[in-house]
C-alpha atoms as a PDB file:
ATOM      1  CA  MET A   1       0.000   0.000   0.000  1.00  0.00           C
ATOM      2  CA  LYS A   2       2.833   2.414   0.689  1.00  0.00           C
ATOM      3  CA  ASP A   3       3.609   2.377  -3.049  1.00  0.00           C
ATOM      4  CA  LEU A   4       0.391   4.348  -3.497  1.00  0.00           C
ATOM      5  CA  LYS A   5       1.848   7.291  -1.585  1.00  0.00           C
ATOM      6  CA  TYR A   6       2.519   8.968  -4.933  1.00  0.00           C
ATOM      7  CA  LEU A   7      -1.229   9.398  -5.345  1.00  0.00           C
ATOM      8  CA  ALA A   8      -0.553  12.454  -3.182  1.00  0.00           C
ATOM      9  CA  ALA A   9       0.875  14.050  -6.336  1.00  0.00           C
ATOM     10  CA  TYR A  10      -2.752  14.444  -7.417  1.00  0.00           C
ATOM     11  CA  SER A  11      -3.339  16.793  -4.486  1.00  0.00           C
ATOM     12  CA  ILE A  12      -2.247  19.710  -6.683  1.00  0.00           C
ATOM     13  CA  PRO A  13      -4.913  18.876  -9.325  1.00  0.00           C
ATOM     14  CA  LEU A  14      -7.495  18.522  -6.528  1.00  0.00           C
ATOM     15  CA  ALA A  15      -6.584  21.963  -5.188  1.00  0.00           C
ATOM     16  CA  THR A  16      -6.803  23.303  -8.738  1.00  0.00           C
ATOM     17  CA  ALA A  17     -10.284  21.784  -9.168  1.00  0.00           C
ATOM     18  CA  LEU A  18     -11.317  23.646  -6.006  1.00  0.00           C
ATOM     19  CA  SER A  19      -9.922  26.861  -7.512  1.00  0.00           C
ATOM     20  CA  LEU A  20     -11.927  26.337 -10.703  1.00  0.00           C
ATOM     21  CA  ASN A  21     -15.101  25.596  -8.767  1.00  0.00           C
ATOM     22  CA  SER A  22     -14.782  28.685  -6.570  1.00  0.00           C
ATOM     23  CA  ARG A  23     -14.957  32.440  -6.554  1.00  0.00           C
ATOM     24  CA  GLY A  24     -13.149  35.034  -4.472  1.00  0.00           C
ATOM     25  CA  TRP A  25     -10.012  34.129  -2.527  1.00  0.00           C
ATOM     26  CA  LEU A  26     -10.603  30.398  -3.056  1.00  0.00           C
ATOM     27  CA  THR A  27      -9.438  30.810  -6.655  1.00  0.00           C
ATOM     28  CA  PHE A  28      -5.989  30.895  -5.009  1.00  0.00           C
ATOM     29  CA  SER A  29      -6.531  27.411  -3.523  1.00  0.00           C
ATOM     30  CA  THR A  30      -3.599  25.830  -5.368  1.00  0.00           C
ATOM     31  CA  VAL A  31      -1.281  28.645  -4.299  1.00  0.00           C
ATOM     32  CA  ILE A  32      -2.396  28.313  -0.679  1.00  0.00           C
ATOM     33  CA  PHE A  33      -1.979  24.541  -0.712  1.00  0.00           C
ATOM     34  CA  ALA A  34       1.420  24.549  -2.458  1.00  0.00           C
ATOM     35  CA  PHE A  35       3.087  27.410  -0.611  1.00  0.00           C
ATOM     36  CA  ILE A  36       1.388  27.489   2.789  1.00  0.00           C
ATOM     37  CA  ALA A  37      -0.083  24.068   3.545  1.00  0.00           C
ATOM     38  CA  ILE A  38       2.763  21.922   2.182  1.00  0.00           C
ATOM     39  CA  PRO A  39       5.589  23.855   3.937  1.00  0.00           C
ATOM     40  CA  ILE A  40       3.672  23.648   7.235  1.00  0.00           C
ATOM     41  CA  ILE A  41       3.058  19.906   6.788  1.00  0.00           C
ATOM     42  CA  GLU A  42       6.735  19.413   5.929  1.00  0.00           C
ATOM     43  CA  MET A  43       7.742  21.148   9.143  1.00  0.00           C
ATOM     44  CA  ILE A  44       5.554  18.698  11.071  1.00  0.00           C
ATOM     45  CA  VAL A  45       6.369  15.501   9.141  1.00  0.00           C
ATOM     46  CA  GLY A  46      10.065  16.273   8.658  1.00  0.00           C
ATOM     47  CA  LYS A  47      12.555  14.517   6.387  1.00  0.00           C
ATOM     48  CA  ASP A  48      12.954  10.977   5.188  1.00  0.00           C
ATOM     49  CA  SER A  49      16.452  10.034   4.026  1.00  0.00           C
ATOM     50  CA  THR A  50      15.767   6.294   3.846  1.00  0.00           C
ATOM     51  CA  ASN A  51      16.979   4.485   0.729  1.00  0.00           C
ATOM     52  CA  LEU A  52      15.486   1.301  -0.673  1.00  0.00           C
ATOM     53  CA  SER A  53      16.976  -2.110   0.015  1.00  0.00           C
ATOM     54  CA  GLU A  54      18.217  -4.159  -2.949  1.00  0.00           C
ATOM     55  CA  LYS A  55      15.092  -6.317  -2.815  1.00  0.00           C
ATOM     56  CA  GLU A  56      12.772  -3.292  -2.746  1.00  0.00           C
ATOM     57  CA  LEU A  57      14.762  -1.708  -5.555  1.00  0.00           C
ATOM     58  CA  GLU A  58      14.266  -4.666  -7.877  1.00  0.00           C
ATOM     59  CA  GLN A  59      10.549  -4.842  -7.115  1.00  0.00           C
ATOM     60  CA  LYS A  60       9.852  -1.158  -7.614  1.00  0.00           C
ATOM     61  CA  LYS A  61      11.845  -0.901 -10.852  1.00  0.00           C
ATOM     62  CA  VAL A  62       9.430  -3.240 -12.644  1.00  0.00           C
ATOM     63  CA  ASN A  63       6.181  -2.227 -10.936  1.00  0.00           C
ATOM     64  CA  LYS A  64       3.999  -0.635 -13.644  1.00  0.00           C
ATOM     65  CA  VAL A  65       1.826   1.148 -11.067  1.00  0.00           C
ATOM     66  CA  PHE A  66       4.473   3.862 -10.822  1.00  0.00           C
ATOM     67  CA  ASP A  67       4.348   4.405 -14.586  1.00  0.00           C
ATOM     68  CA  LEU A  68       0.545   4.446 -14.642  1.00  0.00           C
ATOM     69  CA  MET A  69       0.481   7.169 -11.988  1.00  0.00           C
ATOM     70  CA  LEU A  70       2.554   9.304 -14.352  1.00  0.00           C
ATOM     71  CA  TYR A  71       0.411   8.574 -17.411  1.00  0.00           C
ATOM     72  CA  LEU A  72      -2.799   9.593 -15.626  1.00  0.00           C
ATOM     73  CA  ASN A  73      -1.507  13.141 -15.386  1.00  0.00           C
ATOM     74  CA  LEU A  74      -2.187  13.647 -19.108  1.00  0.00           C
ATOM     75  CA  PRO A  75      -6.007  13.403 -18.932  1.00  0.00           C
ATOM     76  CA  ILE A  76      -6.046  15.144 -15.550  1.00  0.00           C
ATOM     77  CA  VAL A  77      -4.002  18.142 -16.723  1.00  0.00           C
ATOM     78  CA  PHE A  78      -5.799  18.572 -20.031  1.00  0.00           C
ATOM     79  CA  GLY A  79      -9.200  18.032 -18.396  1.00  0.00           C
ATOM     80  CA  LEU A  80      -8.563  20.799 -15.853  1.00  0.00           C
ATOM     81  CA  LEU A  81      -7.072  22.994 -18.579  1.00  0.00           C
ATOM     82  CA  TYR A  82     -10.225  22.592 -20.699  1.00  0.00           C
ATOM     83  CA  TRP A  83     -12.383  23.400 -17.654  1.00  0.00           C
ATOM     84  CA  SER A  84     -10.342  26.554 -17.034  1.00  0.00           C
ATOM     85  CA  PHE A  85     -10.807  27.760 -20.631  1.00  0.00           C
ATOM     86  CA  ILE A  86     -14.568  27.231 -20.396  1.00  0.00           C
ATOM     87  CA  ASN A  87     -14.704  29.213 -17.155  1.00  0.00           C
ATOM     88  CA  ILE A  88     -12.515  32.033 -18.431  1.00  0.00           C
ATOM     89  CA  SER A  89     -14.615  32.472 -21.571  1.00  0.00           C
ATOM     90  CA  SER A  90     -18.002  32.227 -19.837  1.00  0.00           C
ATOM     91  CA  ILE A  91     -17.654  33.691 -16.318  1.00  0.00           C
ATOM     92  CA  ASP A  92     -17.134  37.349 -15.501  1.00  0.00           C
ATOM     93  CA  TYR A  93     -14.249  37.066 -13.024  1.00  0.00           C
ATOM     94  CA  SER A  94     -12.742  39.992 -11.126  1.00  0.00           C
ATOM     95  CA  LEU A  95      -9.069  40.812 -11.687  1.00  0.00           C
ATOM     96  CA  THR A  96      -8.222  39.236  -8.327  1.00  0.00           C
ATOM     97  CA  GLU A  97     -10.049  36.040  -9.264  1.00  0.00           C
ATOM     98  CA  LEU A  98      -8.315  35.961 -12.653  1.00  0.00           C
ATOM     99  CA  ALA A  99      -4.968  36.266 -10.864  1.00  0.00           C
ATOM    100  CA  GLY A 100      -5.929  33.421  -8.537  1.00  0.00           C
ATOM    101  CA  LEU A 101      -6.929  31.147 -11.407  1.00  0.00           C
ATOM    102  CA  SER A 102      -3.835  32.063 -13.419  1.00  0.00           C
ATOM    103  CA  TYR A 103      -1.477  31.169 -10.588  1.00  0.00           C
ATOM    104  CA  SER A 104      -3.435  28.028  -9.710  1.00  0.00           C
ATOM    105  CA  ILE A 105      -3.426  26.676 -13.272  1.00  0.00           C
ATOM    106  CA  GLY A 106       0.189  27.820 -13.748  1.00  0.00           C
ATOM    107  CA  ILE A 107       1.262  25.807 -10.692  1.00  0.00           C
ATOM    108  CA  LEU A 108      -0.715  22.797 -11.955  1.00  0.00           C
ATOM    109  CA  LEU A 109       1.116  22.964 -15.288  1.00  0.00           C
ATOM    110  CA  ALA A 110       4.486  23.325 -13.583  1.00  0.00           C
ATOM    111  CA  THR A 111       4.028  20.365 -11.227  1.00  0.00           C
ATOM    112  CA  ASN A 112       1.807  17.873 -13.040  1.00  0.00           C
ATOM    113  CA  ALA A 113       2.718  18.800 -16.619  1.00  0.00           C
ATOM    114  CA  ILE A 114       6.341  20.009 -16.796  1.00  0.00           C
ATOM    115  CA  ASN A 115       7.577  17.906 -13.880  1.00  0.00           C
ATOM    116  CA  VAL A 116       5.930  14.739 -15.208  1.00  0.00           C
ATOM    117  CA  ALA A 117       7.075  15.581 -18.755  1.00  0.00           C
ATOM    118  CA  HIS A 118      10.615  15.862 -17.409  1.00  0.00           C
ATOM    119  CA  GLU A 119      10.419  12.379 -15.888  1.00  0.00           C
ATOM    120  CA  LEU A 120       8.882  10.802 -18.997  1.00  0.00           C
ATOM    121  CA  GLY A 121      11.306  12.615 -21.290  1.00  0.00           C
ATOM    122  CA  HIS A 122      14.164  10.558 -19.863  1.00  0.00           C
ATOM    123  CA  ARG A 123      12.468   7.289 -20.794  1.00  0.00           C
ATOM    124  CA  LYS A 124      13.419   5.360 -23.931  1.00  0.00           C
ATOM    125  CA  GLY A 125       9.943   4.395 -25.176  1.00  0.00           C
ATOM    126  CA  LEU A 126       8.246   6.399 -27.942  1.00  0.00           C
ATOM    127  CA  PHE A 127       4.916   6.371 -26.064  1.00  0.00           C
ATOM    128  CA  GLU A 128       6.401   7.957 -22.944  1.00  0.00           C
ATOM    129  CA  ARG A 129       8.425  10.502 -24.882  1.00  0.00           C
ATOM    130  CA  THR A 130       5.327  11.485 -26.840  1.00  0.00           C
ATOM    131  CA  LEU A 131       3.422  11.991 -23.575  1.00  0.00           C
ATOM    132  CA  SER A 132       6.323  14.122 -22.372  1.00  0.00           C
ATOM    133  CA  LYS A 133       6.123  16.448 -25.354  1.00  0.00           C
ATOM    134  CA  ALA A 134       2.322  16.672 -25.098  1.00  0.00           C
ATOM    135  CA  LEU A 135       2.600  17.792 -21.461  1.00  0.00           C
ATOM    136  CA  TYR A 136       5.190  20.447 -22.356  1.00  0.00           C
ATOM    137  CA  MET A 137       2.865  21.946 -24.994  1.00  0.00           C
ATOM    138  CA  PRO A 138       0.452  24.008 -22.806  1.00  0.00           C
ATOM    139  CA  CYS A 139       3.502  25.229 -20.875  1.00  0.00           C
ATOM    140  CA  LEU A 140       4.849  26.680 -24.167  1.00  0.00           C
ATOM    141  CA  TYR A 141       8.153  24.968 -23.375  1.00  0.00           C
ATOM    142  CA  MET A 142       8.454  22.053 -25.786  1.00  0.00           C
ATOM    143  CA  HIS A 143      12.038  23.045 -26.654  1.00  0.00           C
ATOM    144  CA  PHE A 144      12.961  22.086 -23.080  1.00  0.00           C
ATOM    145  CA  TYR A 145      12.770  18.447 -24.180  1.00  0.00           C
ATOM    146  CA  ILE A 146      15.802  18.939 -26.431  1.00  0.00           C
ATOM    147  CA  GLU A 147      17.787  21.362 -24.302  1.00  0.00           C
ATOM    148  CA  HIS A 148      17.305  19.440 -21.057  1.00  0.00           C
ATOM    149  CA  ASN A 149      18.115  15.971 -22.414  1.00  0.00           C
ATOM    150  CA  TYR A 150      20.876  16.903 -24.847  1.00  0.00           C
ATOM    151  CA  GLY A 151      22.254  20.031 -23.183  1.00  0.00           C
ATOM    152  CA  HIS A 152      21.614  20.512 -19.471  1.00  0.00           C
ATOM    153  CA  HIS A 153      22.586  16.999 -18.406  1.00  0.00           C
ATOM    154  CA  LEU A 154      25.909  17.345 -20.205  1.00  0.00           C
ATOM    155  CA  LYS A 155      26.705  20.954 -19.283  1.00  0.00           C
ATOM    156  CA  VAL A 156      25.234  21.201 -15.771  1.00  0.00           C
ATOM    157  CA  GLY A 157      27.470  23.034 -13.332  1.00  0.00           C
ATOM    158  CA  THR A 158      29.421  24.852 -16.065  1.00  0.00           C
ATOM    159  CA  PRO A 159      29.162  28.442 -17.368  1.00  0.00           C
ATOM    160  CA  ASP A 160      27.765  27.063 -20.636  1.00  0.00           C
ATOM    161  CA  ASP A 161      24.652  25.720 -18.937  1.00  0.00           C
ATOM    162  CA  GLY A 162      21.773  28.194 -18.922  1.00  0.00           C
ATOM    163  CA  ALA A 163      19.951  26.240 -16.199  1.00  0.00           C
ATOM    164  CA  THR A 164      22.772  26.535 -13.636  1.00  0.00           C
ATOM    165  CA  ALA A 165      22.457  29.737 -11.616  1.00  0.00           C
ATOM    166  CA  LYS A 166      25.646  31.607 -10.786  1.00  0.00           C
ATOM    167  CA  TYR A 167      26.708  32.289  -7.226  1.00  0.00           C
ATOM    168  CA  ASN A 168      25.065  35.551  -6.041  1.00  0.00           C
ATOM    169  CA  GLN A 169      22.790  35.668  -9.103  1.00  0.00           C
ATOM    170  CA  PRO A 170      19.228  36.715  -8.135  1.00  0.00           C
ATOM    171  CA  VAL A 171      16.436  34.483  -9.352  1.00  0.00           C
ATOM    172  CA  TYR A 172      14.909  37.330 -11.376  1.00  0.00           C
ATOM    173  CA  SER A 173      17.953  37.818 -13.597  1.00  0.00           C
ATOM    174  CA  PHE A 174      18.248  34.027 -13.786  1.00  0.00           C
ATOM    175  CA  TRP A 175      14.750  33.834 -15.264  1.00  0.00           C
ATOM    176  CA  ALA A 176      15.816  36.002 -18.187  1.00  0.00           C
ATOM    177  CA  SER A 177      19.231  34.428 -18.758  1.00  0.00           C
ATOM    178  CA  SER A 178      18.001  30.837 -18.428  1.00  0.00           C
ATOM    179  CA  VAL A 179      14.871  31.180 -20.571  1.00  0.00           C
ATOM    180  CA  ILE A 180      16.692  32.963 -23.397  1.00  0.00           C
ATOM    181  CA  LYS A 181      19.854  30.844 -23.380  1.00  0.00           C
ATOM    182  CA  GLN A 182      18.037  27.520 -23.172  1.00  0.00           C
ATOM    183  CA  TYR A 183      15.774  28.423 -26.094  1.00  0.00           C
ATOM    184  CA  PHE A 184      18.648  29.372 -28.388  1.00  0.00           C
ATOM    185  CA  ASP A 185      20.738  26.437 -27.161  1.00  0.00           C
ATOM    186  CA  ALA A 186      17.854  24.141 -28.113  1.00  0.00           C
ATOM    187  CA  TRP A 187      17.939  25.520 -31.674  1.00  0.00           C
ATOM    188  CA  LYS A 188      21.707  25.088 -31.733  1.00  0.00           C
ATOM    189  CA  LYS A 189      21.417  21.477 -30.617  1.00  0.00           C
ATOM    190  CA  GLN A 190      18.645  20.869 -33.164  1.00  0.00           C
ATOM    191  CA  LYS A 191      20.913  22.075 -35.980  1.00  0.00           C
ATOM    192  CA  GLU A 192      23.645  19.719 -34.738  1.00  0.00           C
ATOM    193  CA  LEU A 193      21.196  16.803 -34.723  1.00  0.00           C
ATOM    194  CA  LEU A 194      20.008  17.639 -38.245  1.00  0.00           C
ATOM    195  CA  SER A 195      23.584  17.892 -39.442  1.00  0.00           C
ATOM    196  CA  ALA A 196      24.461  14.528 -37.873  1.00  0.00           C
ATOM    197  CA  SER A 197      21.556  12.881 -39.700  1.00  0.00           C
ATOM    198  CA  LYS A 198      22.421  14.765 -42.905  1.00  0.00           C
ATOM    199  CA  SER A 199      19.033  16.481 -42.895  1.00  0.00           C
ATOM    200  CA  GLY A 200      18.225  20.047 -43.897  1.00  0.00           C
ATOM    201  CA  PHE A 201      16.427  22.723 -41.893  1.00  0.00           C
ATOM    202  CA  PHE A 202      13.091  21.962 -43.574  1.00  0.00           C
ATOM    203  CA  SER A 203      13.383  18.257 -42.818  1.00  0.00           C
ATOM    204  CA  ILE A 204      10.547  16.442 -41.070  1.00  0.00           C
ATOM    205  CA  LYS A 205      13.186  15.642 -38.413  1.00  0.00           C
ATOM    206  CA  ASN A 206      13.361  19.302 -37.361  1.00  0.00           C
ATOM    207  CA  ASP A 207      11.607  18.890 -34.013  1.00  0.00           C
ATOM    208  CA  MET A 208      12.109  22.529 -33.015  1.00  0.00           C
ATOM    209  CA  ALA A 209      10.140  23.646 -36.069  1.00  0.00           C
ATOM    210  CA  TRP A 210       7.407  21.174 -35.141  1.00  0.00           C
ATOM    211  CA  TYR A 211       7.334  22.564 -31.590  1.00  0.00           C
ATOM    212  CA  VAL A 212       6.835  26.113 -32.879  1.00  0.00           C
ATOM    213  CA  LEU A 213       4.053  24.931 -35.199  1.00  0.00           C
ATOM    214  CA  ILE A 214       2.289  22.801 -32.572  1.00  0.00           C
ATOM    215  CA  GLN A 215       2.359  25.494 -29.873  1.00  0.00           C
ATOM    216  CA  THR A 216       1.179  28.145 -32.315  1.00  0.00           C
ATOM    217  CA  LEU A 217      -1.686  25.882 -33.402  1.00  0.00           C
ATOM    218  CA  TYR A 218      -2.576  25.223 -29.758  1.00  0.00           C
ATOM    219  CA  LEU A 219      -2.836  28.963 -29.023  1.00  0.00           C
ATOM    220  CA  ALA A 220      -4.774  29.561 -32.248  1.00  0.00           C
ATOM    221  CA  LEU A 221      -7.314  26.864 -31.354  1.00  0.00           C
ATOM    222  CA  VAL A 222      -7.718  28.261 -27.838  1.00  0.00           C
ATOM    223  CA  CYS A 223      -8.340  31.712 -29.338  1.00  0.00           C
ATOM    224  CA  PHE A 224     -10.835  30.319 -31.863  1.00  0.00           C
ATOM    225  CA  PHE A 225     -12.882  28.261 -29.397  1.00  0.00           C
ATOM    226  CA  PHE A 226     -12.507  30.338 -26.214  1.00  0.00           C
ATOM    227  CA  SER A 227     -12.055  33.903 -27.516  1.00  0.00           C
ATOM    228  CA  PHE A 228      -9.118  36.267 -27.206  1.00  0.00           C
ATOM    229  CA  LYS A 229      -9.604  36.226 -23.446  1.00  0.00           C
ATOM    230  CA  GLY A 230      -8.895  32.489 -23.431  1.00  0.00           C
ATOM    231  CA  PHE A 231      -5.837  33.073 -25.628  1.00  0.00           C
ATOM    232  CA  LEU A 232      -4.405  35.628 -23.179  1.00  0.00           C
ATOM    233  CA  PHE A 233      -5.099  33.245 -20.300  1.00  0.00           C
ATOM    234  CA  ALA A 234      -3.273  30.430 -22.132  1.00  0.00           C
ATOM    235  CA  LEU A 235      -0.267  32.701 -22.644  1.00  0.00           C
ATOM    236  CA  ILE A 236      -0.204  33.837 -19.011  1.00  0.00           C
ATOM    237  CA  ILE A 237      -0.469  30.370 -17.470  1.00  0.00           C
ATOM    238  CA  GLY A 238       2.195  29.093 -19.870  1.00  0.00           C
ATOM    239  CA  VAL A 239       4.609  31.822 -18.759  1.00  0.00           C
ATOM    240  CA  ILE A 240       3.809  31.233 -15.073  1.00  0.00           C
ATOM    241  CA  SER A 241       4.444  27.502 -15.497  1.00  0.00           C
ATOM    242  CA  PHE A 242       7.852  27.813 -17.135  1.00  0.00           C
ATOM    243  CA  LEU A 243       8.984  30.565 -14.752  1.00  0.00           C
ATOM    244  CA  PHE A 244       8.004  28.180 -11.948  1.00  0.00           C
ATOM    245  CA  LEU A 245      10.186  25.544 -13.656  1.00  0.00           C
ATOM    246  CA  GLU A 246      13.093  27.967 -13.946  1.00  0.00           C
ATOM    247  CA  THR A 247      12.764  28.814 -10.254  1.00  0.00           C
ATOM    248  CA  ILE A 248      13.107  25.101  -9.527  1.00  0.00           C
ATOM    249  CA  ASN A 249      16.171  24.990 -11.807  1.00  0.00           C
ATOM    250  CA  TYR A 250      17.516  27.897  -9.768  1.00  0.00           C
ATOM    251  CA  ILE A 251      17.210  26.159  -6.397  1.00  0.00           C
ATOM    252  CA  GLU A 252      18.435  22.826  -7.786  1.00  0.00           C
ATOM    253  CA  HIS A 253      21.800  24.072  -9.049  1.00  0.00           C
ATOM    254  CA  TYR A 254      22.447  27.506  -7.522  1.00  0.00           C
ATOM    255  CA  GLY A 255      26.176  28.168  -7.102  1.00  0.00           C
ATOM    256  CA  LEU A 256      27.248  24.554  -7.655  1.00  0.00           C
ATOM    257  CA  ARG A 257      30.100  24.370 -10.174  1.00  0.00           C
ATOM    258  CA  ARG A 258      32.037  21.480 -11.629  1.00  0.00           C
ATOM    259  CA  LEU A 259      35.767  22.038 -11.254  1.00  0.00           C
ATOM    260  CA  LYS A 260      38.253  21.880 -14.097  1.00  0.00           C
ATOM    261  CA  THR A 261      40.740  19.018 -14.132  1.00  0.00           C
ATOM    262  CA  ASN A 262      44.437  19.319 -15.036  1.00  0.00           C
ATOM    263  CA  SER A 263      43.524  18.574 -18.649  1.00  0.00           C
ATOM    264  CA  GLY A 264      41.393  21.720 -18.759  1.00  0.00           C
ATOM    265  CA  ARG A 265      38.159  19.778 -19.001  1.00  0.00           C
ATOM    266  CA  TYR A 266      35.368  19.848 -16.434  1.00  0.00           C
ATOM    267  CA  GLU A 267      35.111  16.958 -14.008  1.00  0.00           C
ATOM    268  CA  ARG A 268      32.325  14.450 -14.607  1.00  0.00           C
ATOM    269  CA  VAL A 269      28.942  15.116 -13.023  1.00  0.00           C
ATOM    270  CA  LYS A 270      28.948  13.938  -9.417  1.00  0.00           C
ATOM    271  CA  LYS A 271      26.475  13.656  -6.565  1.00  0.00           C
ATOM    272  CA  ILE A 272      27.687  17.030  -5.275  1.00  0.00           C
ATOM    273  CA  HIS A 273      26.515  19.022  -8.303  1.00  0.00           C
ATOM    274  CA  SER A 274      22.828  19.337  -7.404  1.00  0.00           C
ATOM    275  CA  TRP A 275      21.001  20.419  -4.277  1.00  0.00           C
ATOM    276  CA  ASN A 276      19.107  17.602  -2.590  1.00  0.00           C
ATOM    277  CA  SER A 277      16.020  17.734  -0.372  1.00  0.00           C
ATOM    278  CA  ASN A 278      14.593  14.886   1.695  1.00  0.00           C
ATOM    279  CA  HIS A 279      11.530  16.742   2.961  1.00  0.00           C
ATOM    280  CA  SER A 280       8.903  14.034   2.735  1.00  0.00           C
ATOM    281  CA  ILE A 281       5.854  15.794   1.278  1.00  0.00           C
ATOM    282  CA  GLY A 282       7.713  17.618  -1.481  1.00  0.00           C
ATOM    283  CA  ARG A 283       9.381  14.346  -2.469  1.00  0.00           C
ATOM    284  CA  ILE A 284       6.030  12.647  -2.964  1.00  0.00           C
ATOM    285  CA  VAL A 285       4.108  15.510  -4.585  1.00  0.00           C
ATOM    286  CA  LEU A 286       6.922  16.136  -7.073  1.00  0.00           C
ATOM    287  CA  TYR A 287       7.658  12.486  -7.867  1.00  0.00           C
ATOM    288  CA  GLU A 288      11.039  12.540  -6.105  1.00  0.00           C
ATOM    289  CA  LEU A 289      12.321  15.493  -8.130  1.00  0.00           C
ATOM    290  CA  THR A 290      13.828  16.731  -4.875  1.00  0.00           C
ATOM    291  CA  ARG A 291      16.309  13.840  -4.933  1.00  0.00           C
ATOM    292  CA  HIS A 292      17.902  15.706  -7.774  1.00  0.00           C
ATOM    293  CA  SER A 293      21.480  14.728  -7.047  1.00  0.00           C
ATOM    294  CA  ASP A 294      20.836  11.083  -7.893  1.00  0.00           C
ATOM    295  CA  HIS A 295      18.798  12.075 -10.948  1.00  0.00           C
ATOM    296  CA  HIS A 296      21.801  13.904 -12.401  1.00  0.00           C
ATOM    297  CA  TYR A 297      24.164  11.161 -11.345  1.00  0.00           C
ATOM    298  CA  LYS A 298      22.113   8.671 -13.367  1.00  0.00           C
ATOM    299  CA  ALA A 299      19.325  10.318 -15.390  1.00  0.00           C
ATOM    300  CA  SER A 300      17.825   7.024 -16.559  1.00  0.00           C
ATOM    301  CA  LYS A 301      16.761   6.006 -13.022  1.00  0.00           C
ATOM    302  CA  LYS A 302      13.007   6.091 -12.494  1.00  0.00           C
ATOM    303  CA  TYR A 303      11.662   8.423  -9.837  1.00  0.00           C
ATOM    304  CA  GLN A 304      10.550   5.663  -7.439  1.00  0.00           C
ATOM    305  CA  VAL A 305      14.077   4.267  -7.026  1.00  0.00           C
ATOM    306  CA  LEU A 306      16.095   7.460  -6.603  1.00  0.00           C
ATOM    307  CA  ASP A 307      18.463   7.549  -3.624  1.00  0.00           C
ATOM    308  CA  CYS A 308      19.718  10.289  -1.370  1.00  0.00           C
ATOM    309  CA  PHE A 309      23.411  10.721  -0.633  1.00  0.00           C
ATOM    310  CA  GLU A 310      24.874  12.298   2.468  1.00  0.00           C
ATOM    311  CA  LYS A 311      27.619  13.960   0.430  1.00  0.00           C
ATOM    312  CA  SER A 312      25.093  15.857  -1.724  1.00  0.00           C
ATOM    313  CA  PRO A 313      24.478  19.514  -0.770  1.00  0.00           C
ATOM    314  CA  GLN A 314      21.263  19.650   1.241  1.00  0.00           C
ATOM    315  CA  LEU A 315      18.634  22.380   1.054  1.00  0.00           C
ATOM    316  CA  PRO A 316      17.589  23.448   4.561  1.00  0.00           C
ATOM    317  CA  TYR A 317      13.941  23.556   3.469  1.00  0.00           C
ATOM    318  CA  GLY A 318      11.681  21.655   1.094  1.00  0.00           C
ATOM    319  CA  TYR A 319      11.081  22.818  -2.475  1.00  0.00           C
ATOM    320  CA  PRO A 320       7.960  24.966  -1.829  1.00  0.00           C
ATOM    321  CA  ALA A 321       9.630  26.870   1.028  1.00  0.00           C
ATOM    322  CA  SER A 322      12.869  27.143  -0.974  1.00  0.00           C
ATOM    323  CA  ILE A 323      10.979  28.630  -3.925  1.00  0.00           C
ATOM    324  CA  ILE A 324       9.492  31.308  -1.659  1.00  0.00           C
ATOM    325  CA  LEU A 325      12.923  31.970  -0.161  1.00  0.00           C
ATOM    326  CA  SER A 326      14.510  32.346  -3.606  1.00  0.00           C
ATOM    327  CA  LEU A 327      12.031  35.119  -4.440  1.00  0.00           C
ATOM    328  CA  LEU A 328      13.609  37.135  -1.609  1.00  0.00           C
ATOM    329  CA  PRO A 329      17.241  37.333  -2.839  1.00  0.00           C
ATOM    330  CA  PHE A 330      18.677  38.885   0.326  1.00  0.00           C
ATOM    331  CA  LEU A 331      17.312  36.064   2.505  1.00  0.00           C
ATOM    332  CA  TRP A 332      18.217  33.418  -0.100  1.00  0.00           C
ATOM    333  CA  PHE A 333      21.854  34.540  -0.260  1.00  0.00           C
ATOM    334  CA  LYS A 334      22.059  34.808   3.537  1.00  0.00           C
ATOM    335  CA  THR A 335      20.685  31.259   3.955  1.00  0.00           C
ATOM    336  CA  ILE A 336      22.212  29.352   1.030  1.00  0.00           C
ATOM    337  CA  ASN A 337      25.557  31.072   0.309  1.00  0.00           C
ATOM    338  CA  PRO A 338      27.257  29.662   3.437  1.00  0.00           C
ATOM    339  CA  LEU A 339      26.244  26.152   2.277  1.00  0.00           C
ATOM    340  CA  VAL A 340      27.894  26.430  -1.146  1.00  0.00           C
ATOM    341  CA  PRO A 341      31.269  24.616  -1.085  1.00  0.00           C
ATOM    342  CA  LYS A 342      34.145  27.112  -0.953  1.00  0.00           C
ATOM    343  CA  LYS A 343      36.007  25.541  -3.874  1.00  0.00           C
ATOM    344  CA  MET A 344      32.919  26.024  -6.048  1.00  0.00           C
ATOM    345  CA  LYS A 345      32.710  29.686  -5.060  1.00  0.00           C
ATOM    346  CA  ASN A 346      36.331  30.089  -6.134  1.00  0.00           C
ATOM    347  CA  GLN A 347      35.539  28.406  -9.462  1.00  0.00           C
ATOM    348  CA  GLU A 348      33.014  31.168 -10.179  1.00  0.00           C
ATOM    349  CA  LYS A 349      35.833  33.729 -10.059  1.00  0.00           C
ATOM    350  CA  LEU A 350      37.926  32.001 -12.706  1.00  0.00           C
END
């Protein structure tokens, strides 16, 4: 039965359904649940740094229940998204209520669309990779599939990685630098892939071109069926979702640099190049994304078998509380800077 703990990841969609079925301050239900309720619960429940035994590991690796719980996010996310478009086009919301719905749906897309897409995007099967791309679509971030898998995992912890925040870099400047660099890096990687397969820019293999076309068609259909108001809402929630993702990128890699070896190359990715968090509720709700150190150490590992390592840098708070902290740069630097290894700080100066 304890394998079903990941059903708690559907608590964000449930909070979002409450937002969609409400007026007034309750339209902020997802925000309240994610950034007030979860941090409080994490303070009470605490951390869990337990790793699986070899026997448990073998059992959980082949248990399809864990995969099914990921797949179910597709109908849930798109069902709630459709409901939100109907409401936006038919109900006369106040500006405050529109803000509440925008943040609530944006958080839903960030957690149960982008986060799940990230997990599925590392799988080898065509079905799972297709689901991954479909979940990135309403977030307007389909290029992340290419940049994350072919770029970030190779360049993490180096100045060439847009998703690794520099020491003393505020999250707000990171948003701009990461979003812009990752988009253009995705195009660069796409051109390399086309060149390797001896295909031209207008080839059917140009996934980046397909992403632009698909996302444009998505927005056009939303505008056609749900008016210009629905179109603006789709744009806003997409931006909120990927800025939420970039904030998570920020807290996952802030200030952590790979050192150069005597050969002039960067050391291989180790368990010390990502921030880890063992706060129990965040682990479950985000499908173990918080055990990020092990994910980067071996990206092919499924979420249910990720380990924690004592040597990995540890965030003092769970992801929701860390996200709030990052939005207050002075407090973030005061809390996290002393935890960044000194040799990595020195690497930033080189």
